[in-house]
Amino acid sequence: MEDIKITGAFKLSTNLKDNEWLMSYQNLKRRIDWGTTYYRNVMGATNGRTFTNLYQTSAAYPFDNSKRIKLDVGYRSDKSVFFTDINDIASLKEPDIKRKFVTTHVEYVYDNTLNPTQNIWNGLRYKFYFDWNTDVSKEVYSTGKYNFNWGMDARYYYPIYRNFIWAGRAAGEFSWGNQKTIYFLGGTDGWLFPKFNNNNQPAADNYYTFQSLAVNMRGFSQNLSNGNNNVIINSEFRLPVFSTLFSRPINNAFLRNFQLVQFFDLGAAWNGSYNGLQRPSIILEQPPIQVFSKVGGLGPFAGGYGFGARSTVLGYFLRFDAGWTMNGIFKGKPLYNLSLGLDF
């Protein structure tokens, strides 16, 4: 079974209703790797609940030990069921909304990195990818049915002393078509207790079908700005304290993987073409009276900086960060992030 991988996962919510399931089968026996995946998500809202099912198959061809190309093709269905109120006749007649999509994802990956210890790499890796999603619903919900996304993510890891490294990342995503993807800038990937800025509403002149986060932007809550384009630049100095300073083996996982981090983050999300790129503003109040204030940063990018610590706790790699916005030297209170996951 070394070349056969079967993966299963589930996440239970506190109400035991809004849950997630994942099943995946991967066959790595021959030159072309292939597999299938099933994903189901139930998400509740104040007025109803949405059921999502994704059936996906994939194939990957490695050119050598550092380069490969991969194709994912899938079928996704979303069914929104609205709650009813016996005292509200209109809610009893509210029909379910059913959306169906054919999804296509192509990516080229280059990776020549070495991994001397957890969350520490040396070398370069990057990927370019393209998404083409087609709305095949019977009902017509917009003026068109196509969603296109192009993106890239490049990361370079430079060794400084033993396991002490500098890690840099540049990433961007751009969406167009009749049904766009909206990106919410801010926060961290895998943020356990996220904060979302509800004052910053999406542009009314765009039709958004999908949504995603643009991370990491520490020092800011989610939805600092939003739009169908985003660019992120990250810089981190990572110091695995004990594995760098001591040569002896360390059996304790928490001490062995304990790292201190200093970081800088720059990013922006905007609508339209490249000339719409500008420093985001924070909306402090709700209509009819609103106050707009430019956030700290560099040029057209919002910016944050700070310090963090990482390690393994109960088998999970936890990241803790304290981030300040670039509007002074440690001015004001930092925003704290507790996140799950490796790397940026």
Protein backbone atom coordinates (compact mmCIF):
# COMPACT_ATOMS: atom_id res chain seq x y z
CA MET A 1 0.00 0.00 0.00
CA GLU A 2 2.98 2.36 -0.26
CA ASP A 3 1.72 3.66 -3.62
CA ILE A 4 -1.95 3.76 -2.60
CA LYS A 5 -3.13 6.55 -0.30
CA ILE A 6 -6.62 6.64 1.20
CA THR A 7 -7.46 9.76 3.21
CA GLY A 8 -10.54 10.60 5.22
CA ALA A 9 -11.39 13.59 7.38
CA PHE A 10 -14.36 15.23 9.03
CA LYS A 11 -15.03 18.36 11.06
CA LEU A 12 -17.89 18.58 13.51
CA SER A 13 -19.41 21.94 14.40
CA THR A 14 -20.62 22.89 17.84
CA ASN A 15 -24.26 22.51 16.72
CA LEU A 16 -23.52 19.07 15.15
CA LYS A 17 -25.27 20.21 11.94
CA ASP A 18 -22.81 22.39 10.01
CA ASN A 19 -20.18 19.72 9.37
CA GLU A 20 -17.58 18.81 6.72
CA TRP A 21 -16.49 15.45 5.26
CA LEU A 22 -13.64 14.52 2.94
CA MET A 23 -12.67 11.22 1.29
CA SER A 24 -9.74 10.86 -1.11
CA TYR A 25 -8.11 7.98 -3.03
CA GLN A 26 -4.69 8.48 -4.68
CA ASN A 27 -2.92 5.91 -6.93
CA LEU A 28 0.84 6.55 -7.29
CA LYS A 29 1.90 3.22 -8.81
CA ARG A 30 2.89 4.45 -12.27
CA ARG A 31 4.37 7.55 -13.91
CA ILE A 32 0.98 9.26 -14.09
CA ASP A 33 -0.49 9.75 -10.62
CA TRP A 34 -4.28 9.83 -10.43
CA GLY A 35 -7.01 9.93 -7.83
CA THR A 36 -10.56 10.82 -6.85
CA THR A 37 -11.96 13.04 -4.09
CA TYR A 38 -15.36 13.55 -2.52
CA TYR A 39 -16.05 16.59 -0.34
CA ARG A 40 -19.25 17.60 1.44
CA ASN A 41 -19.92 20.73 3.44
CA VAL A 42 -23.01 21.91 5.31
CA MET A 43 -23.01 25.59 6.25
CA GLY A 44 -25.74 27.30 8.21
CA ALA A 45 -26.85 30.93 8.09
CA THR A 46 -29.51 33.01 9.80
CA ASN A 47 -32.06 32.32 7.07
CA GLY A 48 -31.20 28.79 5.98
CA ARG A 49 -28.54 26.20 5.28
CA THR A 50 -26.37 25.43 2.22
CA PHE A 51 -25.35 21.89 1.23
CA THR A 52 -22.27 21.56 -0.99
CA ASN A 53 -21.06 18.37 -2.70
CA LEU A 54 -17.88 18.15 -4.80
CA TYR A 55 -16.87 15.12 -6.89
CA GLN A 56 -13.39 15.48 -8.36
CA THR A 57 -10.86 13.40 -10.28
CA SER A 58 -7.21 14.33 -10.82
CA ALA A 59 -4.17 13.30 -12.83
CA ALA A 60 -0.57 14.49 -12.48
CA TYR A 61 2.44 13.95 -14.74
CA PRO A 62 5.94 14.50 -13.22
CA PHE A 63 8.57 15.60 -15.75
CA ASP A 64 11.34 14.89 -13.21
CA ASN A 65 11.87 15.04 -9.46
CA SER A 66 11.20 18.81 -9.29
CA LYS A 67 8.58 19.60 -11.98
CA ARG A 68 5.08 18.36 -12.66
CA ILE A 69 1.79 19.35 -14.25
CA LYS A 70 -1.60 18.47 -12.76
CA LEU A 71 -5.22 18.53 -13.95
CA ASP A 72 -8.30 18.45 -11.71
CA VAL A 73 -11.81 18.08 -13.15
CA GLY A 74 -14.87 18.08 -10.94
CA TYR A 75 -18.60 18.51 -10.54
CA ARG A 76 -19.93 20.74 -7.75
CA SER A 77 -23.50 21.21 -6.55
CA ASP A 78 -24.75 23.81 -4.07
CA LYS A 79 -28.25 23.63 -2.64
CA SER A 80 -29.51 26.47 -0.43
CA VAL A 81 -32.53 25.58 1.70
CA PHE A 82 -34.34 28.44 3.44
CA PHE A 83 -35.93 28.19 6.86
CA THR A 84 -39.69 28.59 7.06
CA ASP A 85 -41.90 30.38 9.54
CA ILE A 86 -45.52 29.30 9.93
CA ASN A 87 -46.37 32.92 10.68
CA ASP A 88 -44.78 34.09 7.43
CA ILE A 89 -46.61 32.79 4.34
CA ALA A 90 -43.90 34.15 2.00
CA SER A 91 -41.21 32.02 3.65
CA LEU A 92 -43.28 28.88 3.07
CA LYS A 93 -43.25 29.57 -0.67
CA GLU A 94 -39.54 30.40 -0.88
CA PRO A 95 -37.98 27.88 -3.33
CA ASP A 96 -34.62 26.22 -2.82
CA ILE A 97 -31.70 27.59 -4.84
CA LYS A 98 -29.73 24.94 -6.72
CA ARG A 99 -26.37 25.73 -8.39
CA LYS A 100 -24.26 23.28 -10.40
CA PHE A 101 -20.75 23.80 -11.76
CA VAL A 102 -18.18 21.93 -13.81
CA THR A 103 -14.77 22.81 -12.36
CA THR A 104 -11.38 22.63 -14.09
CA HIS A 105 -8.03 23.37 -12.47
CA VAL A 106 -4.61 23.14 -14.18
CA GLU A 107 -1.33 23.83 -12.38
CA TYR A 108 2.40 23.67 -13.07
CA VAL A 109 4.60 23.10 -10.02
CA TYR A 110 8.36 23.47 -9.56
CA ASP A 111 9.86 22.39 -6.23
CA ASN A 112 13.55 21.79 -5.53
CA THR A 113 13.37 22.45 -1.78
CA LEU A 114 14.90 20.39 1.01
CA ASN A 115 13.14 19.99 4.35
CA PRO A 116 15.77 19.60 7.10
CA THR A 117 13.24 19.98 9.92
CA GLN A 118 9.58 20.82 10.41
CA ASN A 119 8.50 24.14 8.85
CA ILE A 120 12.05 24.77 7.61
CA TRP A 121 12.96 24.52 3.91
CA ASN A 122 15.96 25.39 1.73
CA GLY A 123 15.59 26.27 -1.96
CA LEU A 124 12.89 27.47 -4.38
CA ARG A 125 9.38 26.36 -5.18
CA TYR A 126 6.59 27.96 -7.17
CA LYS A 127 3.40 27.18 -9.03
CA PHE A 128 1.22 28.73 -11.70
CA TYR A 129 -2.41 27.70 -11.98
CA PHE A 130 -5.57 28.39 -13.98
CA ASP A 131 -9.21 27.73 -13.06
CA TRP A 132 -12.12 27.51 -15.46
CA ASN A 133 -15.52 27.02 -13.80
CA THR A 134 -18.72 26.70 -15.83
CA ASP A 135 -22.20 27.21 -14.42
CA VAL A 136 -24.40 24.36 -15.73
CA SER A 137 -27.45 25.14 -13.56
CA LYS A 138 -30.85 24.89 -15.18
CA GLU A 139 -31.87 28.21 -13.66
CA VAL A 140 -30.19 31.40 -14.82
CA TYR A 141 -28.75 33.44 -11.95
CA SER A 142 -26.51 35.91 -13.82
CA THR A 143 -25.77 37.39 -17.25
CA GLY A 144 -23.23 34.63 -17.99
CA LYS A 145 -21.93 31.30 -16.79
CA TYR A 146 -18.11 31.43 -16.84
CA ASN A 147 -15.61 32.02 -14.05
CA PHE A 148 -11.88 32.27 -14.76
CA ASN A 149 -9.00 32.58 -12.28
CA TRP A 150 -5.27 32.82 -12.81
CA GLY A 151 -2.79 32.70 -9.96
CA MET A 152 0.81 32.16 -8.90
CA ASP A 153 2.66 31.47 -5.66
CA ALA A 154 6.48 31.61 -5.43
CA ARG A 155 8.51 30.90 -2.27
CA TYR A 156 12.24 31.07 -1.65
CA TYR A 157 14.00 29.81 1.48
CA TYR A 158 17.53 31.04 2.17
CA PRO A 159 19.66 29.28 4.84
CA ILE A 160 21.42 31.70 7.21
CA TYR A 161 22.92 29.48 9.94
CA ARG A 162 22.15 25.79 10.32
CA ASN A 163 18.33 25.63 10.57
CA PHE A 164 17.91 29.41 10.83
CA ILE A 165 16.43 30.68 7.52
CA TRP A 166 14.84 33.63 5.74
CA ALA A 167 11.63 32.75 3.87
CA GLY A 168 10.06 34.99 1.23
CA ARG A 169 6.79 34.62 -0.65
CA ALA A 170 5.07 36.47 -3.50
CA ALA A 171 1.57 35.45 -4.60
CA GLY A 172 -1.26 36.84 -6.69
CA GLU A 173 -4.70 35.82 -7.95
CA PHE A 174 -6.81 37.41 -10.67
CA SER A 175 -10.42 36.58 -11.53
CA TRP A 176 -12.56 37.56 -14.51
CA GLY A 177 -15.60 36.39 -16.46
CA ASN A 178 -19.36 36.76 -15.96
CA GLN A 179 -19.14 35.17 -12.50
CA LYS A 180 -16.07 36.32 -10.60
CA THR A 181 -14.29 35.17 -7.45
CA ILE A 182 -14.04 37.69 -4.62
CA TYR A 183 -10.92 37.69 -2.44
CA PHE A 184 -11.07 38.94 1.15
CA LEU A 185 -7.72 40.38 2.24
CA GLY A 186 -6.47 39.98 5.80
CA GLY A 187 -5.79 37.50 8.58
CA THR A 188 -3.90 34.21 8.42
CA ASP A 189 -4.40 30.85 6.81
CA GLY A 190 -5.98 28.41 9.27
CA TRP A 191 -6.95 31.17 11.73
CA LEU A 192 -8.74 29.43 14.62
CA PHE A 193 -10.70 32.43 15.93
CA PRO A 194 -11.05 34.75 12.93
CA LYS A 195 -12.29 38.32 12.99
CA PHE A 196 -14.17 39.63 9.95
CA ASN A 197 -14.74 43.27 9.01
CA ASN A 198 -18.40 43.50 7.97
CA ASN A 199 -18.23 47.24 7.21
CA ASN A 200 -16.33 46.74 3.96
CA GLN A 201 -19.00 45.58 1.49
CA PRO A 202 -18.20 44.09 -1.96
CA ALA A 203 -18.66 46.24 -5.06
CA ALA A 204 -22.27 46.22 -6.27
CA ASP A 205 -21.32 46.28 -9.97
CA ASN A 206 -19.68 42.82 -9.95
CA TYR A 207 -21.38 39.42 -9.86
CA TYR A 208 -19.46 37.17 -7.45
CA THR A 209 -20.06 33.42 -7.40
CA PHE A 210 -17.08 32.16 -5.39
CA GLN A 211 -15.12 33.59 -2.49
CA SER A 212 -11.67 33.01 -1.01
CA LEU A 213 -9.25 34.52 1.52
CA ALA A 214 -6.12 36.46 0.53
CA VAL A 215 -3.58 35.62 3.25
CA ASN A 216 -1.29 36.05 5.14
CA MET A 217 -1.81 39.66 6.27
CA ARG A 218 -1.05 39.75 9.98
CA GLY A 219 -2.07 42.82 11.93
CA PHE A 220 -5.43 42.97 10.08
CA SER A 221 -8.77 41.23 10.40
CA GLN A 222 -10.33 39.46 7.42
CA ASN A 223 -11.87 41.73 4.76
CA LEU A 224 -9.47 44.63 5.17
CA SER A 225 -10.28 45.08 1.48
CA ASN A 226 -11.84 42.88 -1.18
CA GLY A 227 -12.08 42.47 -4.94
CA ASN A 228 -11.51 40.13 -7.85
CA ASN A 229 -7.70 40.59 -7.69
CA ASN A 230 -5.13 40.31 -4.91
CA VAL A 231 -1.37 40.44 -4.41
CA ILE A 232 0.48 39.30 -1.26
CA ILE A 233 4.17 39.60 -0.27
CA ASN A 234 5.46 37.89 2.89
CA SER A 235 8.86 37.88 4.60
CA GLU A 236 9.83 35.76 7.61
CA PHE A 237 12.98 35.06 9.59
CA ARG A 238 12.50 31.62 11.17
CA LEU A 239 14.70 30.46 14.04
CA PRO A 240 14.18 26.91 15.38
CA VAL A 241 15.73 27.76 18.72
CA PHE A 242 16.82 24.42 20.16
CA SER A 243 17.59 22.51 16.93
CA THR A 244 19.76 25.43 15.75
CA LEU A 245 21.67 26.16 18.95
CA PHE A 246 22.15 22.58 20.14
CA SER A 247 23.66 19.61 18.25
CA ARG A 248 22.26 16.89 20.48
CA PRO A 249 19.04 15.05 19.54
CA ILE A 250 15.87 16.49 21.11
CA ASN A 251 13.15 13.95 21.83
CA ASN A 252 10.47 16.36 22.96
CA ALA A 253 8.44 17.46 19.89
CA PHE A 254 7.49 20.83 21.36
CA LEU A 255 11.12 21.79 22.07
CA ARG A 256 12.46 20.25 18.85
CA ASN A 257 10.03 22.20 16.64
CA PHE A 258 9.86 25.41 18.69
CA GLN A 259 10.54 28.42 16.44
CA LEU A 260 10.66 32.18 16.85
CA VAL A 261 9.61 34.28 13.84
CA GLN A 262 9.91 37.91 12.76
CA PHE A 263 7.67 38.85 9.82
CA PHE A 264 6.62 41.57 7.37
CA ASP A 265 3.45 41.33 5.27
CA LEU A 266 2.33 43.50 2.33
CA GLY A 267 -0.88 43.06 0.36
CA ALA A 268 -3.80 44.51 -1.54
CA ALA A 269 -7.14 43.39 -2.99
CA TRP A 270 -9.03 45.46 -5.55
CA ASN A 271 -11.62 45.43 -8.33
CA GLY A 272 -11.00 45.95 -12.03
CA SER A 273 -7.68 46.16 -13.84
CA TYR A 274 -4.21 46.90 -12.48
CA ASN A 275 -4.86 50.67 -12.32
CA GLY A 276 -7.38 50.00 -9.54
CA LEU A 277 -4.56 48.91 -7.21
CA GLN A 278 -4.37 51.31 -4.27
CA ARG A 279 -3.83 51.36 -0.50
CA PRO A 280 -6.96 50.02 1.23
CA SER A 281 -9.02 52.19 3.56
CA ILE A 282 -10.74 51.10 6.76
CA ILE A 283 -14.45 51.92 7.01
CA LEU A 284 -15.08 52.79 10.64
CA GLU A 285 -18.85 53.33 10.69
CA GLN A 286 -22.04 52.18 8.98
CA PRO A 287 -24.16 54.35 6.59
CA PRO A 288 -25.36 57.07 6.47
CA ILE A 289 -22.22 58.38 8.21
CA GLN A 290 -18.99 56.59 7.31
CA VAL A 291 -15.36 57.41 8.08
CA PHE A 292 -12.64 56.20 5.68
CA SER A 293 -9.05 55.98 6.92
CA LYS A 294 -6.03 54.80 4.91
CA VAL A 295 -4.30 51.88 6.61
CA GLY A 296 -0.56 51.77 7.23
CA GLY A 297 1.64 50.27 4.56
CA LEU A 298 4.05 50.94 1.69
CA GLY A 299 2.92 52.48 -1.60
CA PRO A 300 -0.34 50.84 -2.77
CA PHE A 301 0.02 47.95 -0.30
CA ALA A 302 -1.30 47.59 3.23
CA GLY A 303 1.43 46.44 5.57
CA GLY A 304 1.86 44.62 8.85
CA TYR A 305 4.82 43.44 10.90
CA GLY A 306 5.47 41.64 14.14
CA PHE A 307 6.70 38.53 15.88
CA GLY A 308 5.51 34.99 16.34
CA ALA A 309 6.20 31.56 17.79
CA ARG A 310 5.51 28.10 16.39
CA SER A 311 5.68 24.54 17.62
CA THR A 312 3.96 21.17 17.74
CA VAL A 313 1.23 20.76 20.36
CA LEU A 314 -0.62 17.42 20.64
CA GLY A 315 0.50 16.53 17.12
CA TYR A 316 -0.72 19.83 15.57
CA PHE A 317 1.61 22.56 14.34
CA LEU A 318 0.37 25.78 15.95
CA ARG A 319 1.35 29.30 14.89
CA PHE A 320 0.96 32.27 17.20
CA ASP A 321 1.55 35.78 15.82
CA ALA A 322 1.29 39.31 17.18
CA GLY A 323 0.96 41.80 14.31
CA TRP A 324 1.00 45.61 14.15
CA THR A 325 -0.01 47.74 11.17
CA MET A 326 2.66 49.89 9.51
CA ASN A 327 1.43 53.19 10.91
CA GLY A 328 4.18 53.64 13.50
CA ILE A 329 6.70 51.70 15.57
CA PHE A 330 4.66 49.29 17.69
CA LYS A 331 1.86 51.85 17.83
CA GLY A 332 -1.35 50.66 19.40
CA LYS A 333 -2.32 47.13 20.40
CA PRO A 334 -1.29 44.21 18.17
CA LEU A 335 -3.76 41.80 16.60
CA TYR A 336 -3.16 38.23 17.76
CA ASN A 337 -3.50 35.22 15.47
CA LEU A 338 -3.59 31.59 16.57
CA SER A 339 -3.48 29.39 13.46
CA LEU A 340 -3.04 25.80 12.35
CA GLY A 341 -0.72 24.76 9.52
CA LEU A 342 2.82 24.96 8.20
CA ASP A 343 4.73 27.62 6.27
CA PHE A 344 3.00 30.94 5.45
